[in-house]
Amino acid sequence: MTSAPATRQTPNMELHVMAAGRKLPDVQRYATAVEDAGLDGMVFVESGRTAYLSVAAAALAAPSLEYSTGIAVAFPRSPMVTAKVAWELQDVTQGRFRLGLGTQVRAHIERRYGVEFDPPGPRIREYIEAVKSIFPAFRGEEKLAFDGDYHELSLLPAMWSPGAIEFDDPPVDVAAVGPWMVRMAGAVADGVHVHPFHSRRYLDERLLPGLRDGADGAGRSVDDLTLSVPVFTIVGDTEEERAQWRERARFQIGFYGSTKNYAFMFDMLGFDGTSAALNEKLKAGDLPGMAACITDEMLEAFAVESTWDGLGDALGNKYDGIADRLILYFAEDLYAADPSTLEKFGRVAAALR
């Protein structure tokens, strides 16, 4: 079944690269290469290293790029700490920073960070509202006065405030997948980080209607949200070139799809039982078996395959009317394998504009 295309007004799509934390000089070298190639920006994930420091280092080396965290983990940091870091990054990037936040999963929040997780939905909603309430206080426009269920913020002496900056408040985005989180994002966030494991049908039938419901209920427009969408690209001019990234995409889809909460991504396309099969192989440590579960039909739904000359059209055809920013999930690894790929992606970025 082919779903109807989404109806949302979007500007020309930007093309960003996803980047992991590295030693900061390495981050700066990569950022310079991304800027020189003509791409639009960088999205830093937070894993072993903090996304915020990477953004600061990259922005000092490549000041023309757009930057965002995609995502930074919210709960281990107080809203005030996060707001101050985002404020300084908005300043150093000259207004080109977006704060992307997410909940992470219970095990990491409770057992790695040692902080409270439940209830994650209401907690992240209040967190976003708290962060956004702090920015006017930094400018001196309003007294700090936020009273929520999880955070009370009422003290900001002048000597402890970073003070006003000449740029707009940093937009606050959130990672959202399920119905409640998607509606919440539409109601309170400035944008959404879409999960890399998605199909166009999910975007049209689940994500966009949920965002619209949330936005409408809050007196907002879904068109005012920025949608950042990571993409698994299987790109190359020969079958041999594409084959390695096809296998990489199979593994990544299998890894994400093994999560029981994401089983519906398979089920809504008629691939019932795939998530359970993946989870069994994950428990058994059978990583090649996980990748083998992902059929060519699934790849077509969850990834984009193309030659280099056709990639711009392939991305545009799949994401027109939904995405403001496309994020190249494999860009850093492609660059490590062949530095010339960034220049090729730069040409794709120009075509999408």
Protein backbone atom coordinates (compact mmCIF):
# COMPACT_ATOMS: atom_id res chain seq x y z
CA MET A 1 0.00 0.00 0.00
CA THR A 2 1.35 3.42 -0.97
CA SER A 3 0.56 6.19 1.50
CA ALA A 4 -0.49 9.67 0.47
CA PRO A 5 2.32 12.20 0.54
CA ALA A 6 2.61 14.45 3.55
CA THR A 7 1.16 17.94 3.29
CA ARG A 8 3.53 20.32 4.96
CA GLN A 9 5.18 23.48 3.73
CA THR A 10 8.96 23.07 3.83
CA PRO A 11 11.77 25.17 2.42
CA ASN A 12 14.50 23.63 0.30
CA MET A 13 16.06 20.79 2.22
CA GLU A 14 19.43 21.24 3.88
CA LEU A 15 21.98 18.44 3.99
CA HIS A 16 23.87 17.88 7.24
CA VAL A 17 26.31 15.22 8.40
CA MET A 18 25.96 13.17 11.55
CA ALA A 19 29.13 13.20 13.63
CA ALA A 20 30.26 11.37 16.73
CA GLY A 21 32.41 12.86 19.44
CA ARG A 22 36.13 12.62 18.76
CA LYS A 23 39.24 14.28 20.14
CA LEU A 24 38.54 17.96 19.65
CA PRO A 25 41.34 18.64 17.15
CA ASP A 26 39.94 15.78 15.04
CA VAL A 27 36.47 17.30 15.31
CA GLN A 28 37.83 20.59 14.04
CA ARG A 29 39.58 18.99 11.08
CA TYR A 30 36.40 17.17 10.10
CA ALA A 31 34.28 20.31 10.50
CA THR A 32 36.63 22.23 8.21
CA ALA A 33 36.32 19.48 5.58
CA VAL A 34 32.52 19.55 5.85
CA GLU A 35 32.49 23.33 5.43
CA ASP A 36 34.91 23.24 2.48
CA ALA A 37 32.73 20.62 0.77
CA GLY A 38 29.72 22.93 0.80
CA LEU A 39 27.44 21.00 3.16
CA ASP A 40 25.01 22.86 5.38
CA GLY A 41 25.82 21.69 8.87
CA MET A 42 26.74 19.09 11.45
CA VAL A 43 24.67 17.15 13.97
CA PHE A 44 26.63 15.80 16.93
CA VAL A 45 25.43 12.73 18.75
CA GLU A 46 26.22 12.19 22.41
CA SER A 47 27.78 8.83 23.17
CA GLY A 48 31.20 8.45 24.74
CA ARG A 49 31.98 12.16 24.46
CA THR A 50 29.80 15.19 25.05
CA ALA A 51 28.07 16.67 22.03
CA TYR A 52 28.32 20.21 23.42
CA LEU A 53 32.12 20.38 23.45
CA SER A 54 32.21 19.01 19.92
CA VAL A 55 29.85 21.74 18.72
CA ALA A 56 32.00 24.43 20.31
CA ALA A 57 35.20 23.08 18.79
CA ALA A 58 33.67 22.62 15.36
CA ALA A 59 32.08 26.07 15.31
CA LEU A 60 35.39 27.75 16.05
CA ALA A 61 36.98 25.90 13.12
CA ALA A 62 34.09 26.12 10.63
CA PRO A 63 31.96 29.16 11.52
CA SER A 64 29.62 29.13 8.51
CA LEU A 65 27.97 25.78 9.29
CA GLU A 66 24.71 25.15 11.13
CA TYR A 67 25.08 23.06 14.29
CA SER A 68 22.87 20.97 16.51
CA THR A 69 23.01 18.25 19.12
CA GLY A 70 21.22 15.20 17.89
CA ILE A 71 20.63 14.43 20.64
CA ALA A 72 22.09 15.56 23.95
CA VAL A 73 20.84 13.58 26.94
CA ALA A 74 18.57 15.79 29.02
CA PHE A 75 17.90 14.28 32.43
CA PRO A 76 21.45 14.05 33.86
CA ARG A 77 21.81 17.84 33.51
CA SER A 78 19.59 20.39 35.17
CA PRO A 79 17.58 22.65 32.81
CA MET A 80 19.71 25.59 33.97
CA VAL A 81 22.98 23.86 33.06
CA THR A 82 21.61 22.88 29.66
CA ALA A 83 20.20 26.35 29.01
CA LYS A 84 23.53 28.03 29.83
CA VAL A 85 25.49 25.72 27.54
CA ALA A 86 22.97 26.18 24.72
CA TRP A 87 23.09 29.95 25.22
CA GLU A 88 26.86 30.05 24.91
CA LEU A 89 26.79 27.78 21.86
CA GLN A 90 24.20 30.01 20.21
CA ASP A 91 26.60 32.88 20.79
CA VAL A 92 29.73 31.15 19.49
CA THR A 93 27.90 29.83 16.40
CA GLN A 94 26.50 33.32 15.72
CA GLY A 95 22.91 32.14 15.96
CA ARG A 96 23.39 28.87 14.08
CA PHE A 97 22.79 26.38 16.92
CA ARG A 98 19.80 24.16 17.66
CA LEU A 99 19.54 22.36 20.99
CA GLY A 100 18.41 18.79 20.34
CA LEU A 101 17.35 16.91 23.47
CA GLY A 102 16.27 13.35 24.20
CA THR A 103 15.43 11.06 27.08
CA GLN A 104 17.81 8.14 26.33
CA VAL A 105 16.59 4.81 27.74
CA ARG A 106 15.92 3.81 31.32
CA ALA A 107 18.99 1.62 31.83
CA HIS A 108 21.42 4.36 30.81
CA ILE A 109 19.64 7.12 32.75
CA GLU A 110 19.29 5.13 35.97
CA ARG A 111 22.40 2.91 35.89
CA ARG A 112 24.96 4.95 33.92
CA TYR A 113 23.99 8.49 34.90
CA GLY A 114 22.40 7.65 38.25
CA VAL A 115 19.38 9.96 37.94
CA GLU A 116 15.62 9.53 37.79
CA PHE A 117 13.88 8.48 34.57
CA ASP A 118 10.16 8.06 35.28
CA PRO A 119 7.91 9.34 33.87
CA PRO A 120 10.04 10.09 30.79
CA GLY A 121 7.36 11.78 28.67
CA PRO A 122 6.05 14.34 31.16
CA ARG A 123 9.56 14.84 32.49
CA ILE A 124 11.05 15.75 29.09
CA ARG A 125 8.07 17.98 28.29
CA GLU A 126 8.61 19.97 31.47
CA TYR A 127 12.35 20.01 30.81
CA ILE A 128 11.83 21.65 27.42
CA GLU A 129 9.44 24.20 28.92
CA ALA A 130 11.90 24.94 31.72
CA VAL A 131 14.84 25.49 29.35
CA LYS A 132 12.80 27.80 27.15
CA SER A 133 11.62 29.77 30.20
CA ILE A 134 15.22 30.46 31.20
CA PHE A 135 16.23 32.29 28.02
CA PRO A 136 14.14 35.45 28.66
CA ALA A 137 15.64 35.56 32.16
CA PHE A 138 19.14 35.52 30.65
CA ARG A 139 18.17 38.53 28.55
CA GLY A 140 16.85 40.33 31.62
CA GLU A 141 13.40 40.53 30.03
CA GLU A 142 11.63 38.40 32.64
CA LYS A 143 12.23 37.25 36.19
CA LEU A 144 13.16 33.59 36.44
CA ALA A 145 10.02 31.89 37.72
CA PHE A 146 9.40 28.30 36.68
CA ASP A 147 7.41 26.04 38.97
CA GLY A 148 6.91 22.52 37.64
CA ASP A 149 6.44 19.02 38.97
CA TYR A 150 10.13 18.17 38.65
CA HIS A 151 11.93 21.53 38.59
CA GLU A 152 11.57 24.79 40.47
CA LEU A 153 13.67 27.66 39.14
CA SER A 154 13.42 31.04 40.83
CA LEU A 155 16.93 32.33 41.56
CA LEU A 156 19.16 34.03 38.99
CA PRO A 157 21.30 36.85 40.42
CA ALA A 158 22.88 39.04 37.75
CA MET A 159 26.39 37.79 38.49
CA TRP A 160 25.27 34.21 37.74
CA SER A 161 23.53 35.02 34.47
CA PRO A 162 25.42 34.79 31.16
CA GLY A 163 23.63 37.96 30.07
CA ALA A 164 21.99 38.89 26.78
CA ILE A 165 23.34 37.84 23.39
CA GLU A 166 22.69 39.48 20.03
CA PHE A 167 21.10 36.37 18.53
CA ASP A 168 17.67 34.77 18.88
CA ASP A 169 17.07 32.15 21.55
CA PRO A 170 18.40 28.75 20.47
CA PRO A 171 15.55 26.58 19.17
CA VAL A 172 14.86 23.53 21.31
CA ASP A 173 14.20 20.26 19.47
CA VAL A 174 13.32 16.84 20.86
CA ALA A 175 13.66 13.25 19.72
CA ALA A 176 10.21 11.68 19.33
CA VAL A 177 8.97 8.34 17.97
CA GLY A 178 5.80 7.13 19.72
CA PRO A 179 2.36 8.84 19.63
CA TRP A 180 2.54 10.64 23.00
CA MET A 181 6.02 12.01 22.43
CA VAL A 182 5.19 13.10 18.90
CA ARG A 183 2.10 15.04 20.01
CA MET A 184 4.10 16.59 22.84
CA ALA A 185 6.81 17.67 20.41
CA GLY A 186 4.21 19.34 18.22
CA ALA A 187 2.89 21.21 21.24
CA VAL A 188 6.04 22.52 22.92
CA ALA A 189 9.22 21.93 20.87
CA ASP A 190 10.66 24.01 18.03
CA GLY A 191 11.58 20.94 16.04
CA VAL A 192 11.83 17.17 16.02
CA HIS A 193 14.73 14.79 15.60
CA VAL A 194 13.22 11.86 13.71
CA HIS A 195 14.58 8.42 14.53
CA PRO A 196 16.96 7.06 11.86
CA PHE A 197 14.84 3.89 11.72
CA HIS A 198 11.78 5.09 9.81
CA SER A 199 9.85 4.65 6.58
CA ARG A 200 8.08 7.29 4.53
CA ARG A 201 4.80 5.64 5.48
CA TYR A 202 5.59 6.17 9.16
CA LEU A 203 6.39 9.81 8.48
CA ASP A 204 3.15 10.36 6.56
CA GLU A 205 0.76 8.29 8.66
CA ARG A 206 2.14 8.52 12.20
CA LEU A 207 4.66 11.30 12.65
CA LEU A 208 3.15 14.18 10.71
CA PRO A 209 -0.46 13.68 11.88
CA GLY A 210 0.74 13.42 15.49
CA LEU A 211 2.81 16.58 15.20
CA ARG A 212 -0.14 18.37 13.63
CA ASP A 213 -2.47 17.26 16.44
CA GLY A 214 -0.03 18.51 19.06
CA ALA A 215 0.62 21.79 17.28
CA ASP A 216 -3.08 22.47 16.62
CA GLY A 217 -3.95 21.80 20.25
CA ALA A 218 -1.36 24.34 21.36
CA GLY A 219 -2.46 26.97 18.84
CA ARG A 220 0.63 26.44 16.71
CA SER A 221 1.29 25.34 13.13
CA VAL A 222 3.11 22.17 12.15
CA ASP A 223 4.80 24.23 9.44
CA ASP A 224 6.66 26.15 12.15
CA LEU A 225 8.45 23.00 13.30
CA THR A 226 11.85 22.02 11.93
CA LEU A 227 12.09 18.31 11.10
CA SER A 228 15.59 16.85 11.13
CA VAL A 229 15.64 13.42 9.51
CA PRO A 230 18.66 11.06 9.56
CA VAL A 231 19.03 8.92 6.44
CA PHE A 232 20.79 5.62 5.77
CA THR A 233 22.38 6.22 2.36
CA ILE A 234 23.48 3.32 0.17
CA VAL A 235 25.41 5.25 -2.44
CA GLY A 236 28.01 4.43 -5.05
CA ASP A 237 28.45 4.28 -8.80
CA THR A 238 29.15 0.55 -8.90
CA GLU A 239 27.49 -2.47 -7.36
CA GLU A 240 30.68 -3.14 -5.41
CA GLU A 241 30.65 0.37 -3.90
CA ARG A 242 27.01 0.13 -2.89
CA ALA A 243 27.30 -3.41 -1.51
CA GLN A 244 29.32 -2.47 1.57
CA TRP A 245 26.90 0.28 2.55
CA ARG A 246 23.95 -1.97 1.83
CA GLU A 247 25.29 -4.42 4.40
CA ARG A 248 25.99 -1.60 6.83
CA ALA A 249 22.40 -0.42 6.46
CA ARG A 250 21.10 -3.95 7.04
CA PHE A 251 23.00 -4.13 10.30
CA GLN A 252 21.91 -0.68 11.49
CA ILE A 253 18.25 -1.32 10.65
CA GLY A 254 18.48 -4.69 12.36
CA PHE A 255 20.06 -3.19 15.46
CA TYR A 256 17.41 -0.49 15.84
CA GLY A 257 14.61 -2.84 14.82
CA SER A 258 15.48 -5.32 17.57
CA THR A 259 14.04 -2.86 20.09
CA LYS A 260 10.55 -4.07 20.97
CA ASN A 261 9.16 -0.54 21.15
CA TYR A 262 10.01 -0.10 17.46
CA ALA A 263 8.34 -3.33 16.27
CA PHE A 264 5.47 -1.31 14.82
CA MET A 265 7.86 0.16 12.23
CA PHE A 266 8.08 -3.30 10.65
CA ASP A 267 4.50 -4.31 11.35
CA MET A 268 2.89 -1.31 9.64
CA LEU A 269 4.67 -2.34 6.42
CA GLY A 270 3.62 -5.99 6.65
CA PHE A 271 6.92 -7.30 8.05
CA ASP A 272 5.25 -8.76 11.14
CA GLY A 273 7.45 -10.68 13.56
CA THR A 274 10.71 -9.17 12.30
CA SER A 275 11.46 -7.28 15.50
CA ALA A 276 10.97 -10.39 17.66
CA ALA A 277 13.27 -12.40 15.39
CA LEU A 278 15.91 -9.65 15.57
CA ASN A 279 15.66 -9.50 19.34
CA GLU A 280 16.26 -13.25 19.63
CA LYS A 281 19.36 -13.04 17.45
CA LEU A 282 20.61 -10.04 19.45
CA LYS A 283 20.28 -12.01 22.69
CA ALA A 284 22.21 -14.86 21.07
CA GLY A 285 24.95 -12.48 19.92
CA ASP A 286 24.26 -13.37 16.28
CA LEU A 287 24.98 -10.03 14.61
CA PRO A 288 25.36 -11.46 11.09
CA GLY A 289 22.02 -13.20 11.60
CA MET A 290 20.41 -9.89 12.52
CA ALA A 291 21.62 -8.28 9.31
CA ALA A 292 20.40 -11.28 7.30
CA CYS A 293 16.87 -10.70 8.60
CA ILE A 294 16.71 -7.39 6.73
CA THR A 295 15.45 -8.11 3.23
CA ASP A 296 15.92 -6.00 0.11
CA GLU A 297 12.29 -4.91 0.45
CA MET A 298 12.99 -3.66 3.95
CA LEU A 299 16.09 -1.81 2.73
CA GLU A 300 13.97 -0.05 0.14
CA ALA A 301 11.60 1.12 2.88
CA PHE A 302 14.13 2.18 5.49
CA ALA A 303 17.12 3.40 3.43
CA VAL A 304 17.88 5.30 0.23
CA GLU A 305 19.96 3.62 -2.48
CA SER A 306 21.33 5.48 -5.47
CA THR A 307 24.26 6.35 -7.66
CA TRP A 308 25.98 9.60 -6.81
CA ASP A 309 24.36 11.48 -9.69
CA GLY A 310 20.92 10.27 -8.69
CA LEU A 311 21.19 10.77 -4.93
CA GLY A 312 19.75 14.29 -4.86
CA ASP A 313 16.63 13.17 -6.72
CA ALA A 314 16.31 10.02 -4.61
CA LEU A 315 16.45 12.01 -1.38
CA GLY A 316 14.10 14.68 -2.69
CA ASN A 317 11.57 12.11 -3.88
CA LYS A 318 11.46 10.34 -0.53
CA TYR A 319 11.49 13.34 1.80
CA ASP A 320 9.81 16.14 -0.14
CA GLY A 321 7.10 17.75 1.98
CA ILE A 322 8.38 16.37 5.26
CA ALA A 323 12.04 17.15 6.00
CA ASP A 324 13.74 20.49 6.55
CA ARG A 325 17.12 18.92 7.26
CA LEU A 326 18.40 15.59 6.05
CA ILE A 327 21.21 14.13 8.15
CA LEU A 328 23.66 11.75 6.50
CA TYR A 329 23.95 8.89 8.97
CA PHE A 330 26.96 7.21 7.34
CA ALA A 331 28.80 10.37 6.23
CA GLU A 332 31.63 10.18 8.73
CA ASP A 333 32.40 6.55 7.88
CA LEU A 334 32.14 7.26 4.15
CA TYR A 335 34.58 10.12 4.61
CA ALA A 336 36.99 7.89 6.53
CA ALA A 337 36.88 5.34 3.73
CA ASP A 338 37.20 7.95 0.97
CA PRO A 339 37.62 11.68 1.78
CA SER A 340 36.32 12.64 -1.67
CA THR A 341 32.81 11.57 -0.66
CA LEU A 342 32.30 14.87 1.20
CA GLU A 343 32.71 16.80 -2.06
CA LYS A 344 30.15 14.50 -3.68
CA PHE A 345 27.74 15.09 -0.81
CA GLY A 346 28.39 18.81 -1.21
CA ARG A 347 27.14 18.62 -4.79
CA VAL A 348 24.05 16.79 -3.55
CA ALA A 349 23.48 19.54 -0.99
CA ALA A 350 23.64 22.17 -3.72
CA ALA A 351 21.09 20.22 -5.79
CA LEU A 352 18.69 19.93 -2.85
CA ARG A 353 18.84 23.69 -2.32
